[in-house]
């Protein structure tokens, strides 16, 4: 019995996600209620992250076709993937924050199985470490702040020099006025 064209299309779509995404998080979701799932999907969607439930076999074939090795051991039970084509950290950050905020990991309701970053499989602990990194916007703000500080200091030094020069000139003017008044 061969693979149906419908399944081939699903595998091709998953393979496309795997090869074009910047960051991917693979989760397990046992007993996740509809309201919680809807809230998580909303948060992911707002950040430009897509979340899809996938069959392990389809994901296994797509990963093999994409040349991604080491994912097979993580494909047991329920599986969903969250991925972003633009931000490698967003899927990890949002899912980890959501799990923490709703206390879902201790109950085993929503857990991280693994992740894929730059075509390499990373373990759940690495996904959590990735999630703890500052966002791109925070890093840019820190960089701009670091660049702004020396400029502010330079402006302060230059204005102090000008202020001192004005003070010296004013003192010389006052001295000359006193000398002329005395003469």
C-alpha atoms as a PDB file:
ATOM      1  CA  UNK A   1       0.000   0.000   0.000  1.00  0.00           C
ATOM      2  CA  UNK A   2       1.574   3.296  -1.137  1.00  0.00           C
ATOM      3  CA  UNK A   3       1.501   6.749   0.340  1.00  0.00           C
ATOM      4  CA  UNK A   4      -1.552   8.702  -0.748  1.00  0.00           C
ATOM      5  CA  UNK A   5      -1.172  12.028  -2.550  1.00  0.00           C
ATOM      6  CA  UNK A   6      -2.941  13.716   0.382  1.00  0.00           C
ATOM      7  CA  UNK A   7      -0.338  12.388   2.834  1.00  0.00           C
ATOM      8  CA  UNK A   8       2.469  13.358   0.471  1.00  0.00           C
ATOM      9  CA  UNK A   9       1.091  16.907   0.419  1.00  0.00           C
ATOM     10  CA  UNK A  10       0.954  16.985   4.245  1.00  0.00           C
ATOM     11  CA  UNK A  11       4.556  15.746   4.474  1.00  0.00           C
ATOM     12  CA  UNK A  12       5.649  18.351   1.906  1.00  0.00           C
ATOM     13  CA  UNK A  13       3.919  21.116   3.889  1.00  0.00           C
ATOM     14  CA  UNK A  14       5.552  20.020   7.162  1.00  0.00           C
ATOM     15  CA  UNK A  15       8.915  19.762   5.406  1.00  0.00           C
ATOM     16  CA  UNK A  16       8.445  23.326   4.154  1.00  0.00           C
ATOM     17  CA  UNK A  17       7.791  24.501   7.738  1.00  0.00           C
ATOM     18  CA  UNK A  18      10.920  22.708   8.922  1.00  0.00           C
ATOM     19  CA  UNK A  19      13.161  24.201   6.256  1.00  0.00           C
ATOM     20  CA  UNK A  20      11.851  27.774   6.163  1.00  0.00           C
ATOM     21  CA  UNK A  21      11.292  28.454   9.871  1.00  0.00           C
ATOM     22  CA  UNK A  22      13.789  30.347  12.011  1.00  0.00           C
ATOM     23  CA  UNK A  23      12.687  28.661  15.232  1.00  0.00           C
ATOM     24  CA  UNK A  24      10.580  25.574  15.945  1.00  0.00           C
ATOM     25  CA  UNK A  25       9.299  24.168  19.238  1.00  0.00           C
ATOM     26  CA  UNK A  26       7.811  20.685  19.442  1.00  0.00           C
ATOM     27  CA  UNK A  27       5.315  20.152  22.250  1.00  0.00           C
ATOM     28  CA  UNK A  28       3.176  17.462  23.821  1.00  0.00           C
ATOM     29  CA  UNK A  29      -0.345  18.406  24.859  1.00  0.00           C
ATOM     30  CA  UNK A  30      -2.181  15.871  27.021  1.00  0.00           C
ATOM     31  CA  UNK A  31      -5.486  17.078  28.426  1.00  0.00           C
ATOM     32  CA  UNK A  32      -5.157  20.686  27.245  1.00  0.00           C
ATOM     33  CA  UNK A  33      -8.652  22.171  27.436  1.00  0.00           C
ATOM     34  CA  UNK A  34     -10.111  24.171  24.560  1.00  0.00           C
ATOM     35  CA  UNK A  35     -10.100  27.530  26.360  1.00  0.00           C
ATOM     36  CA  UNK A  36      -6.415  27.224  27.316  1.00  0.00           C
ATOM     37  CA  UNK A  37      -5.465  25.999  23.849  1.00  0.00           C
ATOM     38  CA  UNK A  38      -7.364  28.890  22.248  1.00  0.00           C
ATOM     39  CA  UNK A  39      -5.621  31.426  24.516  1.00  0.00           C
ATOM     40  CA  UNK A  40      -2.188  29.966  23.708  1.00  0.00           C
ATOM     41  CA  UNK A  41      -2.894  29.961  19.973  1.00  0.00           C
ATOM     42  CA  UNK A  42      -4.032  33.599  20.202  1.00  0.00           C
ATOM     43  CA  UNK A  43      -0.785  34.639  21.934  1.00  0.00           C
ATOM     44  CA  UNK A  44       1.271  32.718  19.380  1.00  0.00           C
ATOM     45  CA  UNK A  45      -0.650  34.204  16.451  1.00  0.00           C
ATOM     46  CA  UNK A  46      -0.180  37.767  17.802  1.00  0.00           C
ATOM     47  CA  UNK A  47       3.589  37.176  17.742  1.00  0.00           C
ATOM     48  CA  UNK A  48       3.535  35.777  14.191  1.00  0.00           C
ATOM     49  CA  UNK A  49       4.012  32.183  15.348  1.00  0.00           C
ATOM     50  CA  UNK A  50       2.061  29.319  13.785  1.00  0.00           C
ATOM     51  CA  UNK A  51       0.959  26.338  15.916  1.00  0.00           C
ATOM     52  CA  UNK A  52      -0.114  23.080  14.296  1.00  0.00           C
ATOM     53  CA  UNK A  53      -0.952  19.611  15.565  1.00  0.00           C
ATOM     54  CA  UNK A  54       0.910  17.000  13.517  1.00  0.00           C
ATOM     55  CA  UNK A  55       1.092  13.249  13.259  1.00  0.00           C
ATOM     56  CA  UNK A  56       4.382  11.800  14.452  1.00  0.00           C
ATOM     57  CA  UNK A  57       4.825   9.693  11.325  1.00  0.00           C
ATOM     58  CA  UNK A  58       4.317  12.669   9.011  1.00  0.00           C
ATOM     59  CA  UNK A  59       6.748  14.793  11.054  1.00  0.00           C
ATOM     60  CA  UNK A  60       9.288  11.960  11.122  1.00  0.00           C
ATOM     61  CA  UNK A  61       9.167  11.594   7.298  1.00  0.00           C
ATOM     62  CA  UNK A  62       9.299  15.374   6.750  1.00  0.00           C
ATOM     63  CA  UNK A  63      12.304  15.707   9.090  1.00  0.00           C
ATOM     64  CA  UNK A  64      14.101  12.895   7.285  1.00  0.00           C
ATOM     65  CA  UNK A  65      13.384  14.518   3.899  1.00  0.00           C
ATOM     66  CA  UNK A  66      14.619  17.872   5.253  1.00  0.00           C
ATOM     67  CA  UNK A  67      17.848  16.288   6.524  1.00  0.00           C
ATOM     68  CA  UNK A  68      17.056  16.925  10.193  1.00  0.00           C
ATOM     69  CA  UNK A  69      18.469  14.167  12.374  1.00  0.00           C
ATOM     70  CA  UNK A  70      17.759  13.296  16.006  1.00  0.00           C
ATOM     71  CA  UNK A  71      14.082  14.184  16.098  1.00  0.00           C
ATOM     72  CA  UNK A  72      12.786  10.597  16.042  1.00  0.00           C
ATOM     73  CA  UNK A  73      13.353  10.019  19.777  1.00  0.00           C
ATOM     74  CA  UNK A  74      11.021  12.923  20.623  1.00  0.00           C
ATOM     75  CA  UNK A  75       8.106  11.750  18.503  1.00  0.00           C
ATOM     76  CA  UNK A  76       5.994   9.805  20.987  1.00  0.00           C
ATOM     77  CA  UNK A  77       2.438  10.604  22.067  1.00  0.00           C
ATOM     78  CA  UNK A  78       0.666  13.800  21.080  1.00  0.00           C
ATOM     79  CA  UNK A  79       2.729  16.235  19.043  1.00  0.00           C
ATOM     80  CA  UNK A  80       2.283  19.827  17.956  1.00  0.00           C
ATOM     81  CA  UNK A  81       4.790  22.264  16.509  1.00  0.00           C
ATOM     82  CA  UNK A  82       5.066  26.016  16.904  1.00  0.00           C
ATOM     83  CA  UNK A  83       7.196  27.806  14.342  1.00  0.00           C
ATOM     84  CA  UNK A  84       8.120  31.256  13.140  1.00  0.00           C
ATOM     85  CA  UNK A  85       9.609  32.225   9.802  1.00  0.00           C
ATOM     86  CA  UNK A  86      11.022  35.488  11.170  1.00  0.00           C
ATOM     87  CA  UNK A  87      11.929  35.142  14.872  1.00  0.00           C
ATOM     88  CA  UNK A  88      13.944  32.179  16.160  1.00  0.00           C
ATOM     89  CA  UNK A  89      13.178  32.938  19.819  1.00  0.00           C
ATOM     90  CA  UNK A  90       9.442  33.780  19.692  1.00  0.00           C
ATOM     91  CA  UNK A  91       8.011  30.228  19.657  1.00  0.00           C
ATOM     92  CA  UNK A  92      10.179  29.147  22.598  1.00  0.00           C
ATOM     93  CA  UNK A  93       9.586  32.321  24.598  1.00  0.00           C
ATOM     94  CA  UNK A  94       5.808  32.359  24.162  1.00  0.00           C
ATOM     95  CA  UNK A  95       5.287  28.659  24.861  1.00  0.00           C
ATOM     96  CA  UNK A  96       7.633  28.596  27.865  1.00  0.00           C
ATOM     97  CA  UNK A  97       6.000  31.720  29.310  1.00  0.00           C
ATOM     98  CA  UNK A  98       2.540  30.281  28.680  1.00  0.00           C
ATOM     99  CA  UNK A  99       3.436  26.978  30.352  1.00  0.00           C
ATOM    100  CA  UNK A 100       4.895  28.816  33.355  1.00  0.00           C
ATOM    101  CA  UNK A 101       2.006  31.297  33.623  1.00  0.00           C
ATOM    102  CA  UNK A 102      -0.639  28.539  33.537  1.00  0.00           C
ATOM    103  CA  UNK A 103       1.376  25.939  35.506  1.00  0.00           C
ATOM    104  CA  UNK A 104       0.900  23.340  32.772  1.00  0.00           C
ATOM    105  CA  UNK A 105       4.226  21.496  32.857  1.00  0.00           C
ATOM    106  CA  UNK A 106       3.978  20.077  36.398  1.00  0.00           C
ATOM    107  CA  UNK A 107       0.634  18.531  35.524  1.00  0.00           C
ATOM    108  CA  UNK A 108       2.072  17.210  32.240  1.00  0.00           C
ATOM    109  CA  UNK A 109      -0.632  18.986  30.262  1.00  0.00           C
ATOM    110  CA  UNK A 110       1.650  20.990  27.959  1.00  0.00           C
ATOM    111  CA  UNK A 111       5.331  20.092  27.800  1.00  0.00           C
ATOM    112  CA  UNK A 112       8.211  20.872  25.499  1.00  0.00           C
ATOM    113  CA  UNK A 113       9.623  17.831  23.730  1.00  0.00           C
ATOM    114  CA  UNK A 114      12.382  19.477  21.681  1.00  0.00           C
ATOM    115  CA  UNK A 115      13.120  22.317  19.322  1.00  0.00           C
ATOM    116  CA  UNK A 116      14.805  22.936  15.999  1.00  0.00           C
ATOM    117  CA  UNK A 117      17.159  25.850  15.523  1.00  0.00           C
ATOM    118  CA  UNK A 118      19.253  26.345  12.370  1.00  0.00           C
ATOM    119  CA  UNK A 119      18.270  22.873  11.164  1.00  0.00           C
ATOM    120  CA  UNK A 120      19.569  21.188  14.337  1.00  0.00           C
ATOM    121  CA  UNK A 121      17.470  19.462  16.984  1.00  0.00           C
ATOM    122  CA  UNK A 122      17.847  20.943  20.473  1.00  0.00           C
ATOM    123  CA  UNK A 123      16.679  19.394  23.746  1.00  0.00           C
ATOM    124  CA  UNK A 124      13.850  20.784  25.892  1.00  0.00           C
ATOM    125  CA  UNK A 125      16.321  22.354  28.357  1.00  0.00           C
ATOM    126  CA  UNK A 126      17.953  24.200  25.443  1.00  0.00           C
ATOM    127  CA  UNK A 127      14.544  25.451  24.294  1.00  0.00           C
ATOM    128  CA  UNK A 128      13.940  26.794  27.808  1.00  0.00           C
ATOM    129  CA  UNK A 129      17.366  28.474  27.779  1.00  0.00           C
ATOM    130  CA  UNK A 130      16.539  30.014  24.400  1.00  0.00           C
ATOM    131  CA  UNK A 131      13.261  31.316  25.829  1.00  0.00           C
ATOM    132  CA  UNK A 132      15.112  33.074  28.652  1.00  0.00           C
ATOM    133  CA  UNK A 133      17.122  35.191  26.200  1.00  0.00           C
ATOM    134  CA  UNK A 134      16.018  38.805  25.812  1.00  0.00           C
ATOM    135  CA  UNK A 135      13.851  39.546  22.807  1.00  0.00           C
ATOM    136  CA  UNK A 136      15.256  41.169  19.680  1.00  0.00           C
ATOM    137  CA  UNK A 137      13.606  44.466  20.646  1.00  0.00           C
ATOM    138  CA  UNK A 138      15.164  44.343  24.137  1.00  0.00           C
ATOM    139  CA  UNK A 139      18.611  43.661  22.686  1.00  0.00           C
ATOM    140  CA  UNK A 140      18.250  46.550  20.231  1.00  0.00           C
ATOM    141  CA  UNK A 141      17.140  48.854  23.070  1.00  0.00           C
ATOM    142  CA  UNK A 142      20.167  47.825  25.156  1.00  0.00           C
ATOM    143  CA  UNK A 143      22.478  48.386  22.201  1.00  0.00           C
ATOM    144  CA  UNK A 144      21.021  51.827  21.498  1.00  0.00           C
ATOM    145  CA  UNK A 145      21.231  52.683  25.197  1.00  0.00           C
ATOM    146  CA  UNK A 146      24.886  51.633  25.228  1.00  0.00           C
ATOM    147  CA  UNK A 147      25.565  53.740  22.154  1.00  0.00           C
ATOM    148  CA  UNK A 148      23.666  56.704  23.576  1.00  0.00           C
ATOM    149  CA  UNK A 149      25.535  56.775  26.908  1.00  0.00           C
ATOM    150  CA  UNK A 150      28.944  57.772  25.464  1.00  0.00           C
ATOM    151  CA  UNK A 151      27.267  60.434  23.326  1.00  0.00           C
ATOM    152  CA  UNK A 152      25.500  61.859  26.374  1.00  0.00           C
ATOM    153  CA  UNK A 153      28.779  61.866  28.284  1.00  0.00           C
ATOM    154  CA  UNK A 154      30.538  63.632  25.394  1.00  0.00           C
ATOM    155  CA  UNK A 155      27.819  66.281  25.261  1.00  0.00           C
ATOM    156  CA  UNK A 156      28.145  66.741  29.033  1.00  0.00           C
ATOM    157  CA  UNK A 157      31.926  67.166  28.816  1.00  0.00           C
ATOM    158  CA  UNK A 158      31.688  69.603  25.903  1.00  0.00           C
ATOM    159  CA  UNK A 159      29.022  71.682  27.617  1.00  0.00           C
ATOM    160  CA  UNK A 160      31.168  71.775  30.785  1.00  0.00           C
ATOM    161  CA  UNK A 161      34.133  73.054  28.748  1.00  0.00           C
ATOM    162  CA  UNK A 162      31.965  75.757  27.184  1.00  0.00           C
ATOM    163  CA  UNK A 163      30.478  76.635  30.584  1.00  0.00           C
ATOM    164  CA  UNK A 164      33.992  76.912  32.072  1.00  0.00           C
ATOM    165  CA  UNK A 165      35.207  79.035  29.128  1.00  0.00           C
ATOM    166  CA  UNK A 166      32.227  81.368  29.542  1.00  0.00           C
ATOM    167  CA  UNK A 167      32.998  81.584  33.265  1.00  0.00           C
ATOM    168  CA  UNK A 168      36.656  82.490  32.580  1.00  0.00           C
ATOM    169  CA  UNK A 169      35.671  85.120  29.997  1.00  0.00           C
ATOM    170  CA  UNK A 170      33.124  86.601  32.406  1.00  0.00           C
ATOM    171  CA  UNK A 171      35.770  86.747  35.157  1.00  0.00           C
ATOM    172  CA  UNK A 172      38.249  88.491  32.809  1.00  0.00           C
ATOM    173  CA  UNK A 173      35.522  90.973  31.767  1.00  0.00           C
ATOM    174  CA  UNK A 174      34.654  91.709  35.402  1.00  0.00           C
ATOM    175  CA  UNK A 175      38.342  92.190  36.269  1.00  0.00           C
ATOM    176  CA  UNK A 176      38.845  94.608  33.341  1.00  0.00           C
ATOM    177  CA  UNK A 177      35.703  96.549  34.297  1.00  0.00           C
ATOM    178  CA  UNK A 178      37.015  96.909  37.867  1.00  0.00           C
ATOM    179  CA  UNK A 179      40.434  98.037  36.558  1.00  0.00           C
ATOM    180  CA  UNK A 180      38.824 100.656  34.265  1.00  0.00           C
ATOM    181  CA  UNK A 181      36.582 101.893  37.057  1.00  0.00           C
ATOM    182  CA  UNK A 182      39.602 102.253  39.369  1.00  0.00           C
ATOM    183  CA  UNK A 183      41.644 104.156  36.761  1.00  0.00           C
END
